[in-house]
C-alpha atoms as a PDB file:
ATOM      1  CA  UNK A   1     -21.229   0.413 -48.298  1.00  0.00           C
ATOM      2  CA  UNK A   2     -19.276  -0.070 -45.101  1.00  0.00           C
ATOM      3  CA  UNK A   3     -21.405  -0.052 -41.974  1.00  0.00           C
ATOM      4  CA  UNK A   4     -19.497   1.213 -38.944  1.00  0.00           C
ATOM      5  CA  UNK A   5     -19.348  -0.951 -35.863  1.00  0.00           C
ATOM      6  CA  UNK A   6     -21.782  -0.222 -33.080  1.00  0.00           C
ATOM      7  CA  UNK A   7     -19.010   1.290 -30.967  1.00  0.00           C
ATOM      8  CA  UNK A   8     -18.146   3.706 -33.800  1.00  0.00           C
ATOM      9  CA  UNK A   9     -21.664   5.038 -34.314  1.00  0.00           C
ATOM     10  CA  UNK A  10     -22.198   8.581 -33.062  1.00  0.00           C
ATOM     11  CA  UNK A  11     -24.136   8.835 -29.834  1.00  0.00           C
ATOM     12  CA  UNK A  12     -26.752  11.461 -29.125  1.00  0.00           C
ATOM     13  CA  UNK A  13     -27.162  13.499 -25.940  1.00  0.00           C
ATOM     14  CA  UNK A  14     -30.017  11.275 -24.824  1.00  0.00           C
ATOM     15  CA  UNK A  15     -27.741   8.228 -24.851  1.00  0.00           C
ATOM     16  CA  UNK A  16     -25.220   9.766 -22.451  1.00  0.00           C
ATOM     17  CA  UNK A  17     -27.957  11.274 -20.272  1.00  0.00           C
ATOM     18  CA  UNK A  18     -29.639   7.888 -19.891  1.00  0.00           C
ATOM     19  CA  UNK A  19     -26.486   5.986 -18.935  1.00  0.00           C
ATOM     20  CA  UNK A  20     -25.300   8.711 -16.604  1.00  0.00           C
ATOM     21  CA  UNK A  21     -28.673   8.475 -14.895  1.00  0.00           C
ATOM     22  CA  UNK A  22     -28.255   4.694 -14.666  1.00  0.00           C
ATOM     23  CA  UNK A  23     -24.837   5.157 -13.047  1.00  0.00           C
ATOM     24  CA  UNK A  24     -26.166   7.754 -10.585  1.00  0.00           C
ATOM     25  CA  UNK A  25     -29.099   5.493  -9.714  1.00  0.00           C
ATOM     26  CA  UNK A  26     -26.829   2.498  -9.161  1.00  0.00           C
ATOM     27  CA  UNK A  27     -24.497   4.543  -6.972  1.00  0.00           C
ATOM     28  CA  UNK A  28     -27.440   5.872  -4.978  1.00  0.00           C
ATOM     29  CA  UNK A  29     -28.829   2.363  -4.453  1.00  0.00           C
ATOM     30  CA  UNK A  30     -25.424   1.120  -3.314  1.00  0.00           C
ATOM     31  CA  UNK A  31     -25.090   3.960  -0.778  1.00  0.00           C
ATOM     32  CA  UNK A  32     -28.649   3.386   0.440  1.00  0.00           C
ATOM     33  CA  UNK A  33     -27.938  -0.325   0.887  1.00  0.00           C
ATOM     34  CA  UNK A  34     -24.788   0.477   2.868  1.00  0.00           C
ATOM     35  CA  UNK A  35     -26.747   2.891   5.048  1.00  0.00           C
ATOM     36  CA  UNK A  36     -29.490   0.345   5.724  1.00  0.00           C
ATOM     37  CA  UNK A  37     -26.885  -2.282   6.568  1.00  0.00           C
ATOM     38  CA  UNK A  38     -25.183   0.065   9.040  1.00  0.00           C
ATOM     39  CA  UNK A  39     -28.504   0.913  10.675  1.00  0.00           C
ATOM     40  CA  UNK A  40     -29.580  -2.709  10.991  1.00  0.00           C
ATOM     41  CA  UNK A  41     -26.330  -3.674  12.760  1.00  0.00           C
ATOM     42  CA  UNK A  42     -26.503  -3.217  16.519  1.00  0.00           C
ATOM     43  CA  UNK A  43     -23.419  -1.051  16.669  1.00  0.00           C
ATOM     44  CA  UNK A  44     -22.840   2.398  18.174  1.00  0.00           C
ATOM     45  CA  UNK A  45     -20.980   4.515  15.650  1.00  0.00           C
ATOM     46  CA  UNK A  46     -18.434   6.912  17.193  1.00  0.00           C
ATOM     47  CA  UNK A  47     -16.958   8.816  14.259  1.00  0.00           C
ATOM     48  CA  UNK A  48     -16.187  11.757  16.581  1.00  0.00           C
ATOM     49  CA  UNK A  49     -13.418   9.698  18.201  1.00  0.00           C
ATOM     50  CA  UNK A  50     -11.546   9.004  14.956  1.00  0.00           C
ATOM     51  CA  UNK A  51      -9.793  12.422  14.529  1.00  0.00           C
ATOM     52  CA  UNK A  52      -7.733  11.902  17.689  1.00  0.00           C
ATOM     53  CA  UNK A  53      -5.931   9.032  15.960  1.00  0.00           C
ATOM     54  CA  UNK A  54      -4.747  11.437  13.265  1.00  0.00           C
ATOM     55  CA  UNK A  55      -3.605  14.226  15.540  1.00  0.00           C
ATOM     56  CA  UNK A  56      -3.570  14.064  19.298  1.00  0.00           C
ATOM     57  CA  UNK A  57      -2.723  16.357  22.194  1.00  0.00           C
ATOM     58  CA  UNK A  58      -1.316  14.725  25.302  1.00  0.00           C
ATOM     59  CA  UNK A  59      -0.668  16.079  28.785  1.00  0.00           C
ATOM     60  CA  UNK A  60       2.902  15.875  30.091  1.00  0.00           C
ATOM     61  CA  UNK A  61       3.653  16.325  33.782  1.00  0.00           C
ATOM     62  CA  UNK A  62       6.679  18.433  34.710  1.00  0.00           C
ATOM     63  CA  UNK A  63       8.491  16.763  37.620  1.00  0.00           C
ATOM     64  CA  UNK A  64      11.027  18.137  40.045  1.00  0.00           C
ATOM     65  CA  UNK A  65      14.399  16.461  39.660  1.00  0.00           C
ATOM     66  CA  UNK A  66      15.764  17.338  43.113  1.00  0.00           C
ATOM     67  CA  UNK A  67      14.550  18.089  46.631  1.00  0.00           C
ATOM     68  CA  UNK A  68      14.241  21.729  47.652  1.00  0.00           C
ATOM     69  CA  UNK A  69      12.065  24.684  48.582  1.00  0.00           C
ATOM     70  CA  UNK A  70      10.187  26.917  46.177  1.00  0.00           C
ATOM     71  CA  UNK A  71      11.894  30.269  46.740  1.00  0.00           C
ATOM     72  CA  UNK A  72       9.727  32.201  44.312  1.00  0.00           C
ATOM     73  CA  UNK A  73       7.264  31.858  41.450  1.00  0.00           C
ATOM     74  CA  UNK A  74       7.609  34.341  38.592  1.00  0.00           C
ATOM     75  CA  UNK A  75       4.326  34.606  36.698  1.00  0.00           C
ATOM     76  CA  UNK A  76       4.342  36.151  33.225  1.00  0.00           C
ATOM     77  CA  UNK A  77       1.139  35.809  31.253  1.00  0.00           C
ATOM     78  CA  UNK A  78       0.424  32.179  30.373  1.00  0.00           C
ATOM     79  CA  UNK A  79       3.751  30.850  31.708  1.00  0.00           C
ATOM     80  CA  UNK A  80       5.332  30.768  35.140  1.00  0.00           C
ATOM     81  CA  UNK A  81       8.922  30.168  36.224  1.00  0.00           C
ATOM     82  CA  UNK A  82       9.352  28.119  39.394  1.00  0.00           C
ATOM     83  CA  UNK A  83      12.646  28.766  41.201  1.00  0.00           C
ATOM     84  CA  UNK A  84      13.567  25.794  43.372  1.00  0.00           C
ATOM     85  CA  UNK A  85      16.343  26.355  45.928  1.00  0.00           C
ATOM     86  CA  UNK A  86      18.417  23.507  47.361  1.00  0.00           C
ATOM     87  CA  UNK A  87      21.896  23.144  48.920  1.00  0.00           C
ATOM     88  CA  UNK A  88      23.507  22.770  45.478  1.00  0.00           C
ATOM     89  CA  UNK A  89      21.982  25.987  44.093  1.00  0.00           C
ATOM     90  CA  UNK A  90      18.821  26.947  42.224  1.00  0.00           C
ATOM     91  CA  UNK A  91      16.825  25.204  39.539  1.00  0.00           C
ATOM     92  CA  UNK A  92      14.250  26.765  37.243  1.00  0.00           C
ATOM     93  CA  UNK A  93      11.164  25.098  35.776  1.00  0.00           C
ATOM     94  CA  UNK A  94       8.874  26.701  33.207  1.00  0.00           C
ATOM     95  CA  UNK A  95       5.249  25.580  33.440  1.00  0.00           C
ATOM     96  CA  UNK A  96       1.899  26.917  32.150  1.00  0.00           C
ATOM     97  CA  UNK A  97       0.394  29.271  34.738  1.00  0.00           C
ATOM     98  CA  UNK A  98      -3.003  27.548  34.570  1.00  0.00           C
ATOM     99  CA  UNK A  99      -1.526  24.192  35.640  1.00  0.00           C
ATOM    100  CA  UNK A 100       0.767  25.489  38.397  1.00  0.00           C
ATOM    101  CA  UNK A 101       0.644  23.173  41.439  1.00  0.00           C
ATOM    102  CA  UNK A 102       3.115  24.763  43.875  1.00  0.00           C
ATOM    103  CA  UNK A 103       3.603  28.180  45.470  1.00  0.00           C
ATOM    104  CA  UNK A 104       6.309  30.072  47.282  1.00  0.00           C
ATOM    105  CA  UNK A 105       7.539  28.287  50.392  1.00  0.00           C
ATOM    106  CA  UNK A 106       6.374  24.802  49.388  1.00  0.00           C
ATOM    107  CA  UNK A 107       8.766  21.900  49.977  1.00  0.00           C
ATOM    108  CA  UNK A 108       9.282  19.731  46.913  1.00  0.00           C
ATOM    109  CA  UNK A 109      10.629  16.190  46.680  1.00  0.00           C
ATOM    110  CA  UNK A 110      12.152  14.532  43.598  1.00  0.00           C
ATOM    111  CA  UNK A 111       9.369  13.388  41.304  1.00  0.00           C
ATOM    112  CA  UNK A 112       6.721  15.815  42.555  1.00  0.00           C
ATOM    113  CA  UNK A 113       4.545  17.318  39.830  1.00  0.00           C
ATOM    114  CA  UNK A 114       5.116  21.066  39.471  1.00  0.00           C
ATOM    115  CA  UNK A 115       2.750  21.591  36.561  1.00  0.00           C
ATOM    116  CA  UNK A 116       1.434  20.111  33.358  1.00  0.00           C
ATOM    117  CA  UNK A 117       2.145  21.055  29.775  1.00  0.00           C
ATOM    118  CA  UNK A 118       0.638  19.754  26.544  1.00  0.00           C
ATOM    119  CA  UNK A 119       2.259  18.445  23.393  1.00  0.00           C
ATOM    120  CA  UNK A 120       0.622  17.869  20.030  1.00  0.00           C
ATOM    121  CA  UNK A 121       1.851  15.033  17.876  1.00  0.00           C
ATOM    122  CA  UNK A 122       0.643  12.843  14.995  1.00  0.00           C
ATOM    123  CA  UNK A 123      -1.692  10.045  16.000  1.00  0.00           C
ATOM    124  CA  UNK A 124      -1.247   6.356  15.255  1.00  0.00           C
ATOM    125  CA  UNK A 125      -3.089   6.444  11.937  1.00  0.00           C
ATOM    126  CA  UNK A 126      -1.089   9.409  10.649  1.00  0.00           C
ATOM    127  CA  UNK A 127       2.184   7.828  11.783  1.00  0.00           C
ATOM    128  CA  UNK A 128       1.223   4.593  10.033  1.00  0.00           C
ATOM    129  CA  UNK A 129       0.299   6.526   6.888  1.00  0.00           C
ATOM    130  CA  UNK A 130       3.708   8.235   6.874  1.00  0.00           C
ATOM    131  CA  UNK A 131       5.480   4.879   7.228  1.00  0.00           C
ATOM    132  CA  UNK A 132       3.403   3.392   4.402  1.00  0.00           C
ATOM    133  CA  UNK A 133       4.295   6.355   2.186  1.00  0.00           C
ATOM    134  CA  UNK A 134       7.985   6.037   3.022  1.00  0.00           C
ATOM    135  CA  UNK A 135       8.118   2.289   2.475  1.00  0.00           C
ATOM    136  CA  UNK A 136       6.091   2.453  -0.743  1.00  0.00           C
ATOM    137  CA  UNK A 137       8.197   5.275  -2.218  1.00  0.00           C
ATOM    138  CA  UNK A 138      11.493   3.537  -1.460  1.00  0.00           C
ATOM    139  CA  UNK A 139      10.195   0.172  -2.705  1.00  0.00           C
ATOM    140  CA  UNK A 140       8.839   1.705  -5.924  1.00  0.00           C
ATOM    141  CA  UNK A 141      12.170   3.423  -6.537  1.00  0.00           C
ATOM    142  CA  UNK A 142      14.162   0.278  -5.813  1.00  0.00           C
ATOM    143  CA  UNK A 143      11.805  -1.960  -7.764  1.00  0.00           C
ATOM    144  CA  UNK A 144      11.936   0.344 -10.801  1.00  0.00           C
ATOM    145  CA  UNK A 145      15.733   0.402 -10.931  1.00  0.00           C
ATOM    146  CA  UNK A 146      16.041  -3.332 -10.307  1.00  0.00           C
ATOM    147  CA  UNK A 147      13.254  -4.167 -12.748  1.00  0.00           C
ATOM    148  CA  UNK A 148      14.726  -2.016 -15.521  1.00  0.00           C
ATOM    149  CA  UNK A 149      18.162  -3.616 -15.149  1.00  0.00           C
ATOM    150  CA  UNK A 150      16.708  -7.119 -14.953  1.00  0.00           C
ATOM    151  CA  UNK A 151      14.380  -6.496 -17.896  1.00  0.00           C
ATOM    152  CA  UNK A 152      17.323  -5.437 -20.066  1.00  0.00           C
ATOM    153  CA  UNK A 153      19.307  -8.452 -18.883  1.00  0.00           C
ATOM    154  CA  UNK A 154      16.315 -10.667 -19.692  1.00  0.00           C
ATOM    155  CA  UNK A 155      16.558  -9.812 -23.409  1.00  0.00           C
ATOM    156  CA  UNK A 156      20.346  -9.702 -23.500  1.00  0.00           C
ATOM    157  CA  UNK A 157      22.309 -11.992 -25.825  1.00  0.00           C
ATOM    158  CA  UNK A 158      24.710 -12.689 -22.955  1.00  0.00           C
ATOM    159  CA  UNK A 159      23.690 -16.136 -21.597  1.00  0.00           C
ATOM    160  CA  UNK A 160      24.928 -15.384 -18.065  1.00  0.00           C
ATOM    161  CA  UNK A 161      22.877 -12.189 -17.807  1.00  0.00           C
ATOM    162  CA  UNK A 162      19.797 -13.714 -19.429  1.00  0.00           C
ATOM    163  CA  UNK A 163      19.796 -16.895 -17.358  1.00  0.00           C
ATOM    164  CA  UNK A 164      20.473 -14.962 -14.142  1.00  0.00           C
ATOM    165  CA  UNK A 165      17.520 -12.673 -14.887  1.00  0.00           C
ATOM    166  CA  UNK A 166      15.240 -15.623 -15.680  1.00  0.00           C
ATOM    167  CA  UNK A 167      16.266 -17.412 -12.472  1.00  0.00           C
ATOM    168  CA  UNK A 168      15.633 -14.336 -10.348  1.00  0.00           C
ATOM    169  CA  UNK A 169      12.254 -13.643 -11.963  1.00  0.00           C
ATOM    170  CA  UNK A 170      10.975 -17.212 -11.671  1.00  0.00           C
ATOM    171  CA  UNK A 171      12.094 -17.650  -8.047  1.00  0.00           C
ATOM    172  CA  UNK A 172      10.587 -14.356  -6.871  1.00  0.00           C
ATOM    173  CA  UNK A 173       7.329 -14.686  -8.798  1.00  0.00           C
ATOM    174  CA  UNK A 174       6.975 -18.319  -7.769  1.00  0.00           C
ATOM    175  CA  UNK A 175       6.996 -17.721  -3.995  1.00  0.00           C
ATOM    176  CA  UNK A 176       4.584 -15.729  -1.803  1.00  0.00           C
ATOM    177  CA  UNK A 177       5.586 -12.239  -0.722  1.00  0.00           C
ATOM    178  CA  UNK A 178       4.844 -13.019   2.923  1.00  0.00           C
ATOM    179  CA  UNK A 179       7.335 -15.908   2.853  1.00  0.00           C
ATOM    180  CA  UNK A 180       9.954 -13.653   1.275  1.00  0.00           C
ATOM    181  CA  UNK A 181       9.429 -11.026   3.987  1.00  0.00           C
ATOM    182  CA  UNK A 182       9.948 -13.722   6.658  1.00  0.00           C
ATOM    183  CA  UNK A 183      13.125 -14.938   4.943  1.00  0.00           C
ATOM    184  CA  UNK A 184      14.625 -11.477   4.635  1.00  0.00           C
ATOM    185  CA  UNK A 185      13.830 -10.486   8.207  1.00  0.00           C
ATOM    186  CA  UNK A 186      14.133 -13.667  10.273  1.00  0.00           C
ATOM    187  CA  UNK A 187      16.887 -15.417   8.279  1.00  0.00           C
ATOM    188  CA  UNK A 188      18.985 -12.837   6.448  1.00  0.00           C
ATOM    189  CA  UNK A 189      18.254 -10.112   8.998  1.00  0.00           C
ATOM    190  CA  UNK A 190      19.225 -12.295  11.954  1.00  0.00           C
ATOM    191  CA  UNK A 191      22.554 -13.265  10.396  1.00  0.00           C
ATOM    192  CA  UNK A 192      23.393  -9.727   9.277  1.00  0.00           C
ATOM    193  CA  UNK A 193      22.466  -8.127  12.595  1.00  0.00           C
ATOM    194  CA  UNK A 194      24.492 -10.695  14.546  1.00  0.00           C
ATOM    195  CA  UNK A 195      27.541  -9.920  12.409  1.00  0.00           C
ATOM    196  CA  UNK A 196      27.004  -6.182  12.839  1.00  0.00           C
ATOM    197  CA  UNK A 197      26.657  -6.578  16.611  1.00  0.00           C
ATOM    198  CA  UNK A 198      29.900  -8.532  16.660  1.00  0.00           C
ATOM    199  CA  UNK A 199      31.580  -5.647  14.820  1.00  0.00           C
ATOM    200  CA  UNK A 200      30.062  -3.087  17.245  1.00  0.00           C
ATOM    201  CA  UNK A 201      27.802  -1.655  14.543  1.00  0.00           C
ATOM    202  CA  UNK A 202      24.158  -0.753  15.170  1.00  0.00           C
ATOM    203  CA  UNK A 203      21.742  -3.347  13.739  1.00  0.00           C
ATOM    204  CA  UNK A 204      19.682  -2.515  10.667  1.00  0.00           C
ATOM    205  CA  UNK A 205      16.143  -1.287  11.314  1.00  0.00           C
ATOM    206  CA  UNK A 206      13.381  -3.761  10.307  1.00  0.00           C
ATOM    207  CA  UNK A 207      11.974  -1.126   7.951  1.00  0.00           C
ATOM    208  CA  UNK A 208      14.914  -1.592   5.580  1.00  0.00           C
ATOM    209  CA  UNK A 209      14.389  -5.344   5.396  1.00  0.00           C
ATOM    210  CA  UNK A 210      10.768  -4.640   4.505  1.00  0.00           C
ATOM    211  CA  UNK A 211      11.796  -2.177   1.797  1.00  0.00           C
ATOM    212  CA  UNK A 212      14.325  -4.691   0.452  1.00  0.00           C
ATOM    213  CA  UNK A 213      11.744  -7.480   0.309  1.00  0.00           C
ATOM    214  CA  UNK A 214       9.181  -5.288  -1.452  1.00  0.00           C
ATOM    215  CA  UNK A 215      11.770  -3.905  -3.899  1.00  0.00           C
ATOM    216  CA  UNK A 216      13.019  -7.337  -4.904  1.00  0.00           C
ATOM    217  CA  UNK A 217       9.495  -8.698  -5.189  1.00  0.00           C
ATOM    218  CA  UNK A 218       8.324  -5.748  -7.278  1.00  0.00           C
ATOM    219  CA  UNK A 219      11.495  -5.775  -9.379  1.00  0.00           C
ATOM    220  CA  UNK A 220      10.695  -9.230 -10.751  1.00  0.00           C
ATOM    221  CA  UNK A 221       7.302  -8.097 -12.054  1.00  0.00           C
ATOM    222  CA  UNK A 222       8.657  -4.800 -13.345  1.00  0.00           C
ATOM    223  CA  UNK A 223      11.337  -6.739 -15.236  1.00  0.00           C
ATOM    224  CA  UNK A 224       8.706  -8.711 -17.146  1.00  0.00           C
ATOM    225  CA  UNK A 225       6.761  -5.514 -17.859  1.00  0.00           C
ATOM    226  CA  UNK A 226       9.909  -3.868 -19.207  1.00  0.00           C
ATOM    227  CA  UNK A 227      10.783  -6.939 -21.289  1.00  0.00           C
ATOM    228  CA  UNK A 228       7.306  -7.104 -22.809  1.00  0.00           C
ATOM    229  CA  UNK A 229       7.325  -3.369 -23.525  1.00  0.00           C
ATOM    230  CA  UNK A 230      10.679  -3.472 -25.271  1.00  0.00           C
ATOM    231  CA  UNK A 231       9.825  -6.547 -27.323  1.00  0.00           C
ATOM    232  CA  UNK A 232       6.547  -4.917 -28.411  1.00  0.00           C
ATOM    233  CA  UNK A 233       8.551  -2.300 -30.322  1.00  0.00           C
ATOM    234  CA  UNK A 234       9.143  -3.488 -33.883  1.00  0.00           C
ATOM    235  CA  UNK A 235      12.658  -4.843 -34.305  1.00  0.00           C
ATOM    236  CA  UNK A 236      13.007  -2.683 -37.413  1.00  0.00           C
ATOM    237  CA  UNK A 237      13.378   0.301 -35.079  1.00  0.00           C
ATOM    238  CA  UNK A 238      16.569  -1.155 -33.647  1.00  0.00           C
ATOM    239  CA  UNK A 239      17.877  -2.104 -37.083  1.00  0.00           C
ATOM    240  CA  UNK A 240      17.200   1.397 -38.395  1.00  0.00           C
ATOM    241  CA  UNK A 241      18.943   2.973 -35.402  1.00  0.00           C
ATOM    242  CA  UNK A 242      21.985   0.739 -35.783  1.00  0.00           C
ATOM    243  CA  UNK A 243      22.166   1.479 -39.514  1.00  0.00           C
ATOM    244  CA  UNK A 244      22.384   5.180 -38.655  1.00  0.00           C
ATOM    245  CA  UNK A 245      25.500   4.515 -36.607  1.00  0.00           C
ATOM    246  CA  UNK A 246      24.032   4.364 -33.096  1.00  0.00           C
ATOM    247  CA  UNK A 247      25.432   1.853 -30.666  1.00  0.00           C
ATOM    248  CA  UNK A 248      23.141  -0.689 -29.041  1.00  0.00           C
ATOM    249  CA  UNK A 249      23.068   1.335 -25.812  1.00  0.00           C
ATOM    250  CA  UNK A 250      22.338   4.594 -27.641  1.00  0.00           C
ATOM    251  CA  UNK A 251      19.601   2.989 -29.724  1.00  0.00           C
ATOM    252  CA  UNK A 252      18.020   1.453 -26.639  1.00  0.00           C
ATOM    253  CA  UNK A 253      18.120   4.719 -24.661  1.00  0.00           C
ATOM    254  CA  UNK A 254      17.066   7.101 -27.458  1.00  0.00           C
ATOM    255  CA  UNK A 255      14.812   5.028 -29.710  1.00  0.00           C
ATOM    256  CA  UNK A 256      13.480   1.848 -28.110  1.00  0.00           C
ATOM    257  CA  UNK A 257      12.864   2.787 -24.468  1.00  0.00           C
ATOM    258  CA  UNK A 258      10.962   6.043 -25.211  1.00  0.00           C
ATOM    259  CA  UNK A 259       8.557   4.090 -27.441  1.00  0.00           C
ATOM    260  CA  UNK A 260       8.293   1.199 -25.003  1.00  0.00           C
ATOM    261  CA  UNK A 261       7.608   3.549 -22.085  1.00  0.00           C
ATOM    262  CA  UNK A 262       4.189   4.440 -23.484  1.00  0.00           C
ATOM    263  CA  UNK A 263       3.210   0.780 -23.312  1.00  0.00           C
ATOM    264  CA  UNK A 264       4.976   0.100 -20.024  1.00  0.00           C
ATOM    265  CA  UNK A 265       3.310   2.820 -17.945  1.00  0.00           C
ATOM    266  CA  UNK A 266      -0.230   1.324 -17.613  1.00  0.00           C
ATOM    267  CA  UNK A 267       0.862  -2.106 -16.311  1.00  0.00           C
ATOM    268  CA  UNK A 268       3.578  -0.404 -14.266  1.00  0.00           C
ATOM    269  CA  UNK A 269       0.919   1.669 -12.515  1.00  0.00           C
ATOM    270  CA  UNK A 270      -1.014  -1.490 -11.656  1.00  0.00           C
ATOM    271  CA  UNK A 271       2.121  -3.086 -10.220  1.00  0.00           C
ATOM    272  CA  UNK A 272       2.930  -0.071  -8.052  1.00  0.00           C
ATOM    273  CA  UNK A 273      -0.654   0.163  -6.810  1.00  0.00           C
ATOM    274  CA  UNK A 274      -0.409  -3.485  -5.778  1.00  0.00           C
ATOM    275  CA  UNK A 275       2.901  -2.689  -4.086  1.00  0.00           C
ATOM    276  CA  UNK A 276       1.287  -0.017  -1.913  1.00  0.00           C
ATOM    277  CA  UNK A 277      -1.340  -2.514  -0.789  1.00  0.00           C
ATOM    278  CA  UNK A 278       1.280  -5.250  -0.302  1.00  0.00           C
ATOM    279  CA  UNK A 279       3.104  -2.987   2.156  1.00  0.00           C
ATOM    280  CA  UNK A 280       0.374  -3.925   4.642  1.00  0.00           C
ATOM    281  CA  UNK A 281       2.158  -7.269   5.086  1.00  0.00           C
ATOM    282  CA  UNK A 282       5.122  -5.567   6.757  1.00  0.00           C
ATOM    283  CA  UNK A 283       3.208  -5.458  10.032  1.00  0.00           C
ATOM    284  CA  UNK A 284       4.274  -9.063  10.610  1.00  0.00           C
ATOM    285  CA  UNK A 285       7.887  -7.889  11.168  1.00  0.00           C
ATOM    286  CA  UNK A 286       6.982  -5.143  13.656  1.00  0.00           C
ATOM    287  CA  UNK A 287       6.821  -2.275  11.167  1.00  0.00           C
ATOM    288  CA  UNK A 288       3.994   0.033  12.214  1.00  0.00           C
ATOM    289  CA  UNK A 289       2.602   0.832   8.798  1.00  0.00           C
ATOM    290  CA  UNK A 290      -1.000   1.823   8.216  1.00  0.00           C
ATOM    291  CA  UNK A 291      -2.602  -1.599   8.643  1.00  0.00           C
ATOM    292  CA  UNK A 292      -0.672  -2.440  11.821  1.00  0.00           C
ATOM    293  CA  UNK A 293      -1.428   1.010  13.236  1.00  0.00           C
ATOM    294  CA  UNK A 294      -5.117   0.434  12.479  1.00  0.00           C
ATOM    295  CA  UNK A 295      -5.026  -2.902  14.312  1.00  0.00           C
ATOM    296  CA  UNK A 296      -3.532  -1.197  17.363  1.00  0.00           C
ATOM    297  CA  UNK A 297      -6.191   1.524  17.269  1.00  0.00           C
ATOM    298  CA  UNK A 298      -8.953  -1.087  17.010  1.00  0.00           C
ATOM    299  CA  UNK A 299      -7.507  -2.970  19.998  1.00  0.00           C
ATOM    300  CA  UNK A 300      -7.408   0.139  22.169  1.00  0.00           C
ATOM    301  CA  UNK A 301     -10.606   1.859  21.036  1.00  0.00           C
ATOM    302  CA  UNK A 302     -12.882  -1.117  20.255  1.00  0.00           C
ATOM    303  CA  UNK A 303     -14.088   0.717  17.134  1.00  0.00           C
ATOM    304  CA  UNK A 304     -13.443  -1.787  14.333  1.00  0.00           C
ATOM    305  CA  UNK A 305     -15.946  -0.459  11.799  1.00  0.00           C
ATOM    306  CA  UNK A 306     -14.873   3.186  11.851  1.00  0.00           C
ATOM    307  CA  UNK A 307     -11.146   2.473  11.954  1.00  0.00           C
ATOM    308  CA  UNK A 308     -11.101  -0.109   9.159  1.00  0.00           C
ATOM    309  CA  UNK A 309     -13.299   2.056   6.953  1.00  0.00           C
ATOM    310  CA  UNK A 310     -10.907   4.971   7.457  1.00  0.00           C
ATOM    311  CA  UNK A 311      -7.956   2.659   6.775  1.00  0.00           C
ATOM    312  CA  UNK A 312      -9.508   1.534   3.489  1.00  0.00           C
ATOM    313  CA  UNK A 313     -10.196   5.150   2.481  1.00  0.00           C
ATOM    314  CA  UNK A 314      -6.567   6.119   3.166  1.00  0.00           C
ATOM    315  CA  UNK A 315      -5.290   3.276   0.975  1.00  0.00           C
ATOM    316  CA  UNK A 316      -7.765   4.340  -1.713  1.00  0.00           C
ATOM    317  CA  UNK A 317      -6.447   7.912  -1.567  1.00  0.00           C
ATOM    318  CA  UNK A 318      -2.859   6.686  -1.968  1.00  0.00           C
ATOM    319  CA  UNK A 319      -3.568   4.361  -4.865  1.00  0.00           C
ATOM    320  CA  UNK A 320      -5.914   6.779  -6.644  1.00  0.00           C
ATOM    321  CA  UNK A 321      -3.335   9.571  -6.379  1.00  0.00           C
ATOM    322  CA  UNK A 322      -0.678   7.305  -7.871  1.00  0.00           C
ATOM    323  CA  UNK A 323      -3.083   6.299 -10.649  1.00  0.00           C
ATOM    324  CA  UNK A 324      -3.732   9.964 -11.514  1.00  0.00           C
ATOM    325  CA  UNK A 325       0.006  10.656 -11.538  1.00  0.00           C
ATOM    326  CA  UNK A 326       0.674   7.771 -13.931  1.00  0.00           C
ATOM    327  CA  UNK A 327      -2.161   8.939 -16.187  1.00  0.00           C
ATOM    328  CA  UNK A 328      -0.487  12.348 -16.282  1.00  0.00           C
ATOM    329  CA  UNK A 329       2.800  10.705 -17.295  1.00  0.00           C
ATOM    330  CA  UNK A 330       0.965   8.760 -20.025  1.00  0.00           C
ATOM    331  CA  UNK A 331      -0.439  11.973 -21.475  1.00  0.00           C
ATOM    332  CA  UNK A 332       3.012  13.550 -21.427  1.00  0.00           C
ATOM    333  CA  UNK A 333       4.531  10.512 -23.138  1.00  0.00           C
ATOM    334  CA  UNK A 334       2.034  10.489 -26.012  1.00  0.00           C
END
C-alpha cells in the first residue's frame, strides 16, 4: 500500500495552531529585540519631524516691485488688496490680512515685504518617491519590450539576430549596473548633449539617461527569462500549431507565449522588484530619487535612523505592491 509523503498527509487544526503560534512568538521576539536595541542606543527619536518631509508648508514673502506710496488698503475677510501709487500708475498686491505689514500712507521701496503668504507642496521624501515611481515604471516598460524582442531573437534561427542577442545579453549581464549608468551619463550623455547644444536643441535631462540604463540592464535579464519560458513549452506545441496551418508568428503569439507567460511571471516579478531597488543608484547622476532625497533629508535634519527606516518602508511598500499585482496576474493566467 502506497504511503503518502509527509507533505501530503492531512494536517489537523492543532498543527496549524501550533505553527502559527510559533510564527507569532518569533515575530514578537524580533519586535521586542528591535525595541530594546532602540532603547539602549543613546539617540533621541524625533518621529514627529518626519511628516514635514512628506508634505510641507512654507512661508513666501510678497515684495514690492517698485517704489511708491500706499494709497489705500482694501480689506475683505482673510485677504487684503494693497494699492501702491507711483508716478507710472498704480499697482495692486493681494496679501493675507493677518500678515499685512503696511498701511495707508506708508512709503514703500522696491523689495520691501508687504505681507506673507503660505504655499503647500510635497516634501523631499514624497518628491523622491514620485521620481522613483516614474523611473521604475518607465524602466519596467522599456525593459519588458526590449527583453521580449531580445528573448525572441535569442531563440531565432537567424544567426545575425541570435548572435546579436547573445552579445547584448552577455555584455550587459557581465558588467555592473553602476558602471553602465556612468557610461550612459558621463560618456554617451556628454557627447549627445554637446551635439544637441551645437544644434541649438535643449540637452536631455539626466532622468532619461537613468531610465535608458535601467531599461537596457533589465532587458538583458528579461530576455533570458523569456527565452527560458518559451523553451520550457514542449516543442510539440509548435509542431501541432504549424500542422494546423498557423505561421510561426501566429503560433508564437497564440499558442507558445500564453503558455510561457505562466512560467515567466514569477521570475519576471523578481527582476522588476530588483529594478525598483536598483533605481537607488541613479542618485550618482544627480537624479533626486528616493534614496538621494533621503540622504539630503538626513544631512539637513540629522535624523538618520528615522529617515532611513522610513525610506526602507517606502521601498517595501513599492515592491510588495508590485508583488501583489504580479500574483494577481498569475491567478488570471492560470
